[in-house]
């Protein structure tokens, strides 16, 4: 038995425990709950801007913004014409 201890004596062993490991072991709910995206049956309310559609020249466009690039860059604005459904985006 002394020879087994001689092989590991003086060696360093590390083990990493994550917050997720502790949460799972203690059966605690996740700290962050990820919201689900709206389903296609839900109607998303969009803002309206008085800009004409480049395709059909309807006087208003619906729009929403989303941060797609890194945080130090501007948002992307998504436009859709309520008349002809033409869609386009602009990086701001």
PDB file of N, CA and C in Angstrom:
ATOM      1  N   UNK A   1       0.822  -1.194   0.000  1.00  0.00           N
ATOM      2  CA  UNK A   1       0.000   0.000   0.000  1.00  0.00           C
ATOM      3  C   UNK A   1       0.860   1.249   0.000  1.00  0.00           C
ATOM      4  N   UNK A   2       2.032   1.178   0.569  1.00  0.00           N
ATOM      5  CA  UNK A   2       2.921   2.317   0.610  1.00  0.00           C
ATOM      6  C   UNK A   2       3.388   2.735  -0.770  1.00  0.00           C
ATOM      7  N   UNK A   3       3.493   1.795  -1.721  1.00  0.00           N
ATOM      8  CA  UNK A   3       3.954   2.141  -3.067  1.00  0.00           C
ATOM      9  C   UNK A   3       2.921   2.955  -3.841  1.00  0.00           C
ATOM     10  N   UNK A   4       1.611   2.755  -3.578  1.00  0.00           N
ATOM     11  CA  UNK A   4       0.558   3.518  -4.248  1.00  0.00           C
ATOM     12  C   UNK A   4       0.649   4.981  -3.826  1.00  0.00           C
ATOM     13  N   UNK A   5       0.836   5.235  -2.543  1.00  0.00           N
ATOM     14  CA  UNK A   5       0.947   6.601  -2.055  1.00  0.00           C
ATOM     15  C   UNK A   5       2.228   7.262  -2.526  1.00  0.00           C
ATOM     16  N   UNK A   6       3.257   6.506  -2.705  1.00  0.00           N
ATOM     17  CA  UNK A   6       4.530   7.060  -3.170  1.00  0.00           C
ATOM     18  C   UNK A   6       4.392   7.603  -4.592  1.00  0.00           C
ATOM     19  N   UNK A   7       3.529   6.981  -5.415  1.00  0.00           N
ATOM     20  CA  UNK A   7       3.344   7.436  -6.790  1.00  0.00           C
ATOM     21  C   UNK A   7       2.634   8.782  -6.877  1.00  0.00           C
ATOM     22  N   UNK A   8       1.742   9.057  -5.935  1.00  0.00           N
ATOM     23  CA  UNK A   8       0.980  10.307  -6.007  1.00  0.00           C
ATOM     24  C   UNK A   8       1.443  11.356  -5.008  1.00  0.00           C
ATOM     25  N   UNK A   9       2.342  10.970  -4.114  1.00  0.00           N
ATOM     26  CA  UNK A   9       2.812  11.911  -3.096  1.00  0.00           C
ATOM     27  C   UNK A   9       3.526  13.093  -3.764  1.00  0.00           C
ATOM     28  N   UNK A  10       3.149  14.301  -3.387  1.00  0.00           N
ATOM     29  CA  UNK A  10       3.782  15.505  -3.900  1.00  0.00           C
ATOM     30  C   UNK A  10       3.194  16.026  -5.205  1.00  0.00           C
ATOM     31  N   UNK A  11       2.266  15.326  -5.792  1.00  0.00           N
ATOM     32  CA  UNK A  11       1.621  15.800  -7.018  1.00  0.00           C
ATOM     33  C   UNK A  11       0.447  16.691  -6.678  1.00  0.00           C
ATOM     34  N   UNK A  12       0.171  17.640  -7.567  1.00  0.00           N
ATOM     35  CA  UNK A  12      -0.934  18.567  -7.360  1.00  0.00           C
ATOM     36  C   UNK A  12      -2.113  18.131  -8.200  1.00  0.00           C
ATOM     37  N   UNK A  13      -3.297  18.160  -7.594  1.00  0.00           N
ATOM     38  CA  UNK A  13      -4.523  17.806  -8.291  1.00  0.00           C
ATOM     39  C   UNK A  13      -5.472  18.990  -8.217  1.00  0.00           C
ATOM     40  N   UNK A  14      -6.109  19.313  -9.355  1.00  0.00           N
ATOM     41  CA  UNK A  14      -7.085  20.406  -9.360  1.00  0.00           C
ATOM     42  C   UNK A  14      -8.415  19.887  -9.875  1.00  0.00           C
ATOM     43  N   UNK A  15      -9.466  20.529  -9.407  1.00  0.00           N
ATOM     44  CA  UNK A  15     -10.812  20.197  -9.834  1.00  0.00           C
ATOM     45  C   UNK A  15     -11.602  21.491  -9.855  1.00  0.00           C
ATOM     46  N   UNK A  16     -12.310  21.746 -10.923  1.00  0.00           N
ATOM     47  CA  UNK A  16     -13.076  22.980 -11.058  1.00  0.00           C
ATOM     48  C   UNK A  16     -14.558  22.682 -10.906  1.00  0.00           C
ATOM     49  N   UNK A  17     -15.212  23.454 -10.039  1.00  0.00           N
ATOM     50  CA  UNK A  17     -16.658  23.353  -9.860  1.00  0.00           C
ATOM     51  C   UNK A  17     -17.255  24.665 -10.334  1.00  0.00           C
ATOM     52  N   UNK A  18     -18.217  24.574 -11.239  1.00  0.00           N
ATOM     53  CA  UNK A  18     -18.856  25.779 -11.757  1.00  0.00           C
ATOM     54  C   UNK A  18     -20.140  26.071 -10.982  1.00  0.00           C
ATOM     55  N   UNK A  19     -20.650  27.283 -11.145  1.00  0.00           N
ATOM     56  CA  UNK A  19     -21.921  27.645 -10.525  1.00  0.00           C
ATOM     57  C   UNK A  19     -23.034  26.737 -11.053  1.00  0.00           C
ATOM     58  N   UNK A  20     -22.936  26.354 -12.311  1.00  0.00           N
ATOM     59  CA  UNK A  20     -23.928  25.455 -12.902  1.00  0.00           C
ATOM     60  C   UNK A  20     -23.893  24.088 -12.222  1.00  0.00           C
ATOM     61  N   UNK A  21     -22.696  23.580 -11.868  1.00  0.00           N
ATOM     62  CA  UNK A  21     -22.577  22.311 -11.153  1.00  0.00           C
ATOM     63  C   UNK A  21     -23.271  22.381  -9.794  1.00  0.00           C
ATOM     64  N   UNK A  22     -23.049  23.470  -9.068  1.00  0.00           N
ATOM     65  CA  UNK A  22     -23.661  23.645  -7.748  1.00  0.00           C
ATOM     66  C   UNK A  22     -25.174  23.765  -7.884  1.00  0.00           C
ATOM     67  N   UNK A  23     -25.623  24.571  -8.859  1.00  0.00           N
ATOM     68  CA  UNK A  23     -27.054  24.740  -9.079  1.00  0.00           C
ATOM     69  C   UNK A  23     -27.726  23.404  -9.370  1.00  0.00           C
ATOM     70  N   UNK A  24     -27.102  22.612 -10.218  1.00  0.00           N
ATOM     71  CA  UNK A  24     -27.659  21.309 -10.589  1.00  0.00           C
ATOM     72  C   UNK A  24     -27.685  20.363  -9.383  1.00  0.00           C
ATOM     73  N   UNK A  25     -26.606  20.339  -8.602  1.00  0.00           N
ATOM     74  CA  UNK A  25     -26.512  19.454  -7.434  1.00  0.00           C
ATOM     75  C   UNK A  25     -27.552  19.809  -6.375  1.00  0.00           C
ATOM     76  N   UNK A  26     -27.786  21.100  -6.157  1.00  0.00           N
ATOM     77  CA  UNK A  26     -28.744  21.556  -5.149  1.00  0.00           C
ATOM     78  C   UNK A  26     -30.165  21.679  -5.694  1.00  0.00           C
ATOM     79  N   UNK A  27     -30.331  21.351  -6.979  1.00  0.00           N
ATOM     80  CA  UNK A  27     -31.634  21.417  -7.648  1.00  0.00           C
ATOM     81  C   UNK A  27     -32.261  22.809  -7.535  1.00  0.00           C
ATOM     82  N   UNK A  28     -31.441  23.830  -7.820  1.00  0.00           N
ATOM     83  CA  UNK A  28     -31.883  25.223  -7.807  1.00  0.00           C
ATOM     84  C   UNK A  28     -32.221  25.623  -9.234  1.00  0.00           C
ATOM     85  N   UNK A  29     -33.281  26.424  -9.391  1.00  0.00           N
ATOM     86  CA  UNK A  29     -33.672  26.911 -10.715  1.00  0.00           C
ATOM     87  C   UNK A  29     -32.559  27.776 -11.306  1.00  0.00           C
ATOM     88  N   UNK A  30     -32.454  27.860 -12.623  1.00  0.00           N
ATOM     89  CA  UNK A  30     -31.432  28.710 -13.259  1.00  0.00           C
ATOM     90  C   UNK A  30     -31.581  30.164 -12.839  1.00  0.00           C
ATOM     91  N   UNK A  31     -30.447  30.869 -12.749  1.00  0.00           N
ATOM     92  CA  UNK A  31     -30.447  32.268 -12.366  1.00  0.00           C
ATOM     93  C   UNK A  31     -31.040  33.141 -13.472  1.00  0.00           C
ATOM     94  N   UNK A  32     -30.827  32.752 -14.717  1.00  0.00           N
ATOM     95  CA  UNK A  32     -31.309  33.515 -15.855  1.00  0.00           C
ATOM     96  C   UNK A  32     -32.300  32.648 -16.607  1.00  0.00           C
ATOM     97  N   UNK A  33     -33.484  33.171 -16.809  1.00  0.00           N
ATOM     98  CA  UNK A  33     -34.491  32.458 -17.586  1.00  0.00           C
ATOM     99  C   UNK A  33     -34.527  33.098 -18.965  1.00  0.00           C
ATOM    100  N   UNK A  34     -34.289  32.313 -19.984  1.00  0.00           N
ATOM    101  CA  UNK A  34     -34.272  32.817 -21.347  1.00  0.00           C
ATOM    102  C   UNK A  34     -35.706  32.900 -21.849  1.00  0.00           C
ATOM    103  N   UNK A  35     -36.081  34.103 -22.281  1.00  0.00           N
ATOM    104  CA  UNK A  35     -37.428  34.289 -22.804  1.00  0.00           C
ATOM    105  C   UNK A  35     -37.512  33.695 -24.199  1.00  0.00           C
ATOM    106  N   UNK A  36     -38.659  33.159 -24.505  1.00  0.00           N
ATOM    107  CA  UNK A  36     -38.838  32.601 -25.844  1.00  0.00           C
ATOM    108  C   UNK A  36     -39.244  33.711 -26.799  1.00  0.00           C
ATOM    109  N   UNK A  37     -38.872  33.562 -28.026  1.00  0.00           N
ATOM    110  CA  UNK A  37     -39.236  34.538 -29.058  1.00  0.00           C
ATOM    111  C   UNK A  37     -40.728  34.444 -29.324  1.00  0.00           C
ATOM    112  N   UNK A  38     -41.341  35.539 -29.728  1.00  0.00           N
ATOM    113  CA  UNK A  38     -42.772  35.483 -30.035  1.00  0.00           C
ATOM    114  C   UNK A  38     -43.038  34.490 -31.162  1.00  0.00           C
ATOM    115  N   UNK A  39     -44.112  33.761 -31.033  1.00  0.00           N
ATOM    116  CA  UNK A  39     -44.450  32.807 -32.083  1.00  0.00           C
ATOM    117  C   UNK A  39     -45.061  33.555 -33.264  1.00  0.00           C
ATOM    118  N   UNK A  40     -45.169  32.888 -34.378  1.00  0.00           N
ATOM    119  CA  UNK A  40     -45.685  33.541 -35.577  1.00  0.00           C
ATOM    120  C   UNK A  40     -47.158  33.927 -35.441  1.00  0.00           C
ATOM    121  N   UNK A  41     -47.848  33.374 -34.437  1.00  0.00           N
ATOM    122  CA  UNK A  41     -49.255  33.726 -34.253  1.00  0.00           C
ATOM    123  C   UNK A  41     -49.420  35.023 -33.474  1.00  0.00           C
ATOM    124  N   UNK A  42     -48.362  35.429 -32.737  1.00  0.00           N
ATOM    125  CA  UNK A  42     -48.434  36.672 -31.981  1.00  0.00           C
ATOM    126  C   UNK A  42     -48.107  37.852 -32.895  1.00  0.00           C
ATOM    127  N   UNK A  43     -48.881  38.910 -32.780  1.00  0.00           N
ATOM    128  CA  UNK A  43     -48.653  40.112 -33.582  1.00  0.00           C
ATOM    129  C   UNK A  43     -47.695  41.027 -32.821  1.00  0.00           C
ATOM    130  N   UNK A  44     -46.598  41.407 -33.439  1.00  0.00           N
ATOM    131  CA  UNK A  44     -45.626  42.296 -32.825  1.00  0.00           C
ATOM    132  C   UNK A  44     -45.966  43.727 -33.228  1.00  0.00           C
ATOM    133  N   UNK A  45     -46.107  44.602 -32.235  1.00  0.00           N
ATOM    134  CA  UNK A  45     -46.415  46.002 -32.497  1.00  0.00           C
ATOM    135  C   UNK A  45     -45.137  46.715 -32.926  1.00  0.00           C
ATOM    136  N   UNK A  46     -45.175  47.398 -34.046  1.00  0.00           N
ATOM    137  CA  UNK A  46     -44.017  48.123 -34.559  1.00  0.00           C
ATOM    138  C   UNK A  46     -44.295  49.611 -34.577  1.00  0.00           C
ATOM    139  N   UNK A  47     -43.231  50.376 -34.467  1.00  0.00           N
ATOM    140  CA  UNK A  47     -43.348  51.829 -34.563  1.00  0.00           C
ATOM    141  C   UNK A  47     -43.526  52.216 -36.031  1.00  0.00           C
ATOM    142  N   UNK A  48     -44.044  53.419 -36.246  1.00  0.00           N
ATOM    143  CA  UNK A  48     -44.282  53.913 -37.611  1.00  0.00           C
ATOM    144  C   UNK A  48     -43.505  55.207 -37.793  1.00  0.00           C
ATOM    145  N   UNK A  49     -42.898  55.346 -38.973  1.00  0.00           N
ATOM    146  CA  UNK A  49     -42.153  56.555 -39.303  1.00  0.00           C
ATOM    147  C   UNK A  49     -42.718  57.129 -40.609  1.00  0.00           C
ATOM    148  N   UNK A  50     -42.734  58.443 -40.706  1.00  0.00           N
ATOM    149  CA  UNK A  50     -43.239  59.111 -41.919  1.00  0.00           C
ATOM    150  C   UNK A  50     -42.129  59.195 -42.964  1.00  0.00           C
ATOM    151  N   UNK A  51     -41.805  58.065 -43.530  1.00  0.00           N
ATOM    152  CA  UNK A  51     -40.830  57.946 -44.631  1.00  0.00           C
ATOM    153  C   UNK A  51     -41.527  57.171 -45.736  1.00  0.00           C
ATOM    154  N   UNK A  52     -41.269  57.538 -46.965  1.00  0.00           N
ATOM    155  CA  UNK A  52     -41.950  56.827 -48.054  1.00  0.00           C
ATOM    156  C   UNK A  52     -41.190  55.560 -48.433  1.00  0.00           C
ATOM    157  N   UNK A  53     -41.950  54.578 -48.849  1.00  0.00           N
ATOM    158  CA  UNK A  53     -41.397  53.293 -49.266  1.00  0.00           C
ATOM    159  C   UNK A  53     -40.612  53.484 -50.560  1.00  0.00           C
ATOM    160  N   UNK A  54     -39.396  52.967 -50.635  1.00  0.00           N
ATOM    161  CA  UNK A  54     -38.619  53.125 -51.868  1.00  0.00           C
ATOM    162  C   UNK A  54     -39.197  52.340 -53.048  1.00  0.00           C
ATOM    163  N   UNK A  55     -40.068  51.395 -52.771  1.00  0.00           N
ATOM    164  CA  UNK A  55     -40.615  50.568 -53.850  1.00  0.00           C
ATOM    165  C   UNK A  55     -41.969  51.083 -54.345  1.00  0.00           C
ATOM    166  N   UNK A  56     -42.929  51.300 -53.413  1.00  0.00           N
ATOM    167  CA  UNK A  56     -44.284  51.695 -53.853  1.00  0.00           C
ATOM    168  C   UNK A  56     -44.633  53.134 -53.464  1.00  0.00           C
ATOM    169  N   UNK A  57     -43.746  53.809 -52.750  1.00  0.00           N
ATOM    170  CA  UNK A  57     -43.899  55.208 -52.322  1.00  0.00           C
ATOM    171  C   UNK A  57     -45.047  55.440 -51.338  1.00  0.00           C
ATOM    172  N   UNK A  58     -45.451  54.382 -50.626  1.00  0.00           N
ATOM    173  CA  UNK A  58     -46.419  54.542 -49.531  1.00  0.00           C
ATOM    174  C   UNK A  58     -45.798  55.512 -48.518  1.00  0.00           C
ATOM    175  N   UNK A  59     -46.571  56.450 -47.926  1.00  0.00           N
ATOM    176  CA  UNK A  59     -45.980  57.520 -47.112  1.00  0.00           C
ATOM    177  C   UNK A  59     -45.459  57.118 -45.734  1.00  0.00           C
ATOM    178  N   UNK A  60     -45.738  55.892 -45.268  1.00  0.00           N
ATOM    179  CA  UNK A  60     -45.266  55.484 -43.945  1.00  0.00           C
ATOM    180  C   UNK A  60     -44.632  54.096 -43.998  1.00  0.00           C
ATOM    181  N   UNK A  61     -43.672  53.883 -43.100  1.00  0.00           N
ATOM    182  CA  UNK A  61     -43.018  52.587 -42.958  1.00  0.00           C
ATOM    183  C   UNK A  61     -43.103  52.153 -41.501  1.00  0.00           C
ATOM    184  N   UNK A  62     -43.247  50.852 -41.267  1.00  0.00           N
ATOM    185  CA  UNK A  62     -43.145  50.288 -39.924  1.00  0.00           C
ATOM    186  C   UNK A  62     -41.674  49.947 -39.701  1.00  0.00           C
ATOM    187  N   UNK A  63     -41.222  50.050 -38.438  1.00  0.00           N
ATOM    188  CA  UNK A  63     -39.821  49.723 -38.182  1.00  0.00           C
ATOM    189  C   UNK A  63     -39.614  49.212 -36.765  1.00  0.00           C
ATOM    190  N   UNK A  64     -38.482  48.520 -36.568  1.00  0.00           N
ATOM    191  CA  UNK A  64     -37.999  48.132 -35.249  1.00  0.00           C
ATOM    192  C   UNK A  64     -36.481  48.083 -35.322  1.00  0.00           C
ATOM    193  N   UNK A  65     -35.822  48.156 -34.165  1.00  0.00           N
ATOM    194  CA  UNK A  65     -34.360  48.148 -34.132  1.00  0.00           C
ATOM    195  C   UNK A  65     -33.869  46.915 -33.392  1.00  0.00           C
ATOM    196  N   UNK A  66     -32.640  46.520 -33.720  1.00  0.00           N
ATOM    197  CA  UNK A  66     -32.023  45.376 -33.061  1.00  0.00           C
ATOM    198  C   UNK A  66     -30.515  45.580 -33.045  1.00  0.00           C
ATOM    199  N   UNK A  67     -29.874  45.201 -31.938  1.00  0.00           N
ATOM    200  CA  UNK A  67     -28.425  45.297 -31.816  1.00  0.00           C
ATOM    201  C   UNK A  67     -27.822  44.007 -32.361  1.00  0.00           C
ATOM    202  N   UNK A  68     -27.292  44.049 -33.581  1.00  0.00           N
ATOM    203  CA  UNK A  68     -26.730  42.856 -34.206  1.00  0.00           C
ATOM    204  C   UNK A  68     -25.210  42.843 -34.172  1.00  0.00           C
ATOM    205  N   UNK A  69     -24.608  44.018 -34.152  1.00  0.00           N
ATOM    206  CA  UNK A  69     -23.151  44.122 -34.155  1.00  0.00           C
ATOM    207  C   UNK A  69     -22.671  44.326 -32.725  1.00  0.00           C
ATOM    208  N   UNK A  70     -21.389  44.557 -32.540  1.00  0.00           N
ATOM    209  CA  UNK A  70     -20.855  44.723 -31.191  1.00  0.00           C
ATOM    210  C   UNK A  70     -21.488  45.932 -30.512  1.00  0.00           C
ATOM    211  N   UNK A  71     -21.431  45.952 -29.198  1.00  0.00           N
ATOM    212  CA  UNK A  71     -22.127  46.976 -28.406  1.00  0.00           C
ATOM    213  C   UNK A  71     -21.623  48.389 -28.676  1.00  0.00           C
ATOM    214  N   UNK A  72     -20.383  48.529 -29.132  1.00  0.00           N
ATOM    215  CA  UNK A  72     -19.864  49.876 -29.380  1.00  0.00           C
ATOM    216  C   UNK A  72     -20.224  50.398 -30.771  1.00  0.00           C
ATOM    217  N   UNK A  73     -20.991  49.630 -31.530  1.00  0.00           N
ATOM    218  CA  UNK A  73     -21.463  50.072 -32.841  1.00  0.00           C
ATOM    219  C   UNK A  73     -22.969  50.291 -32.788  1.00  0.00           C
ATOM    220  N   UNK A  74     -23.509  50.971 -33.780  1.00  0.00           N
ATOM    221  CA  UNK A  74     -24.928  51.311 -33.793  1.00  0.00           C
ATOM    222  C   UNK A  74     -25.836  50.115 -34.002  1.00  0.00           C
ATOM    223  N   UNK A  75     -27.135  50.381 -33.854  1.00  0.00           N
ATOM    224  CA  UNK A  75     -28.137  49.350 -34.055  1.00  0.00           C
ATOM    225  C   UNK A  75     -28.481  49.217 -35.531  1.00  0.00           C
ATOM    226  N   UNK A  76     -29.159  48.133 -35.869  1.00  0.00           N
ATOM    227  CA  UNK A  76     -29.684  47.944 -37.208  1.00  0.00           C
ATOM    228  C   UNK A  76     -31.179  48.249 -37.155  1.00  0.00           C
ATOM    229  N   UNK A  77     -31.658  49.065 -38.098  1.00  0.00           N
ATOM    230  CA  UNK A  77     -33.078  49.418 -38.161  1.00  0.00           C
ATOM    231  C   UNK A  77     -33.696  48.612 -39.302  1.00  0.00           C
ATOM    232  N   UNK A  78     -34.754  47.872 -38.977  1.00  0.00           N
ATOM    233  CA  UNK A  78     -35.459  47.059 -39.957  1.00  0.00           C
ATOM    234  C   UNK A  78     -36.769  47.762 -40.323  1.00  0.00           C
ATOM    235  N   UNK A  79     -36.980  47.995 -41.611  1.00  0.00           N
ATOM    236  CA  UNK A  79     -38.174  48.677 -42.112  1.00  0.00           C
ATOM    237  C   UNK A  79     -39.022  47.690 -42.906  1.00  0.00           C
ATOM    238  N   UNK A  80     -40.353  47.907 -42.850  1.00  0.00           N
ATOM    239  CA  UNK A  80     -41.265  47.137 -43.694  1.00  0.00           C
ATOM    240  C   UNK A  80     -42.427  48.033 -44.090  1.00  0.00           C
ATOM    241  N   UNK A  81     -42.755  47.998 -45.353  1.00  0.00           N
ATOM    242  CA  UNK A  81     -43.876  48.787 -45.865  1.00  0.00           C
ATOM    243  C   UNK A  81     -45.177  48.040 -45.561  1.00  0.00           C
ATOM    244  N   UNK A  82     -46.146  48.706 -44.917  1.00  0.00           N
ATOM    245  CA  UNK A  82     -47.417  48.037 -44.629  1.00  0.00           C
ATOM    246  C   UNK A  82     -48.276  47.815 -45.879  1.00  0.00           C
ATOM    247  N   UNK A  83     -47.941  48.508 -46.953  1.00  0.00           N
ATOM    248  CA  UNK A  83     -48.718  48.408 -48.191  1.00  0.00           C
ATOM    249  C   UNK A  83     -48.224  47.254 -49.074  1.00  0.00           C
ATOM    250  N   UNK A  84     -46.951  47.292 -49.484  1.00  0.00           N
ATOM    251  CA  UNK A  84     -46.420  46.290 -50.418  1.00  0.00           C
ATOM    252  C   UNK A  84     -45.551  45.224 -49.744  1.00  0.00           C
ATOM    253  N   UNK A  85     -45.286  45.368 -48.441  1.00  0.00           N
ATOM    254  CA  UNK A  85     -44.476  44.427 -47.645  1.00  0.00           C
ATOM    255  C   UNK A  85     -43.007  44.406 -48.047  1.00  0.00           C
ATOM    256  N   UNK A  86     -42.545  45.443 -48.729  1.00  0.00           N
ATOM    257  CA  UNK A  86     -41.110  45.581 -49.047  1.00  0.00           C
ATOM    258  C   UNK A  86     -40.345  45.705 -47.735  1.00  0.00           C
ATOM    259  N   UNK A  87     -39.236  44.955 -47.592  1.00  0.00           N
ATOM    260  CA  UNK A  87     -38.427  44.981 -46.373  1.00  0.00           C
ATOM    261  C   UNK A  87     -37.010  45.396 -46.711  1.00  0.00           C
ATOM    262  N   UNK A  88     -36.414  46.190 -45.815  1.00  0.00           N
ATOM    263  CA  UNK A  88     -35.000  46.544 -45.960  1.00  0.00           C
ATOM    264  C   UNK A  88     -34.483  46.971 -44.597  1.00  0.00           C
ATOM    265  N   UNK A  89     -33.161  47.028 -44.459  1.00  0.00           N
ATOM    266  CA  UNK A  89     -32.556  47.415 -43.197  1.00  0.00           C
ATOM    267  C   UNK A  89     -31.454  48.442 -43.427  1.00  0.00           C
ATOM    268  N   UNK A  90     -31.160  49.202 -42.368  1.00  0.00           N
ATOM    269  CA  UNK A  90     -30.135  50.229 -42.405  1.00  0.00           C
ATOM    270  C   UNK A  90     -29.319  50.128 -41.124  1.00  0.00           C
ATOM    271  N   UNK A  91     -27.991  50.098 -41.245  1.00  0.00           N
ATOM    272  CA  UNK A  91     -27.125  50.127 -40.066  1.00  0.00           C
ATOM    273  C   UNK A  91     -26.917  51.576 -39.665  1.00  0.00           C
ATOM    274  N   UNK A  92     -27.212  51.892 -38.390  1.00  0.00           N
ATOM    275  CA  UNK A  92     -27.058  53.272 -37.929  1.00  0.00           C
ATOM    276  C   UNK A  92     -25.827  53.439 -37.075  1.00  0.00           C
TER     277      UNK A  92
END
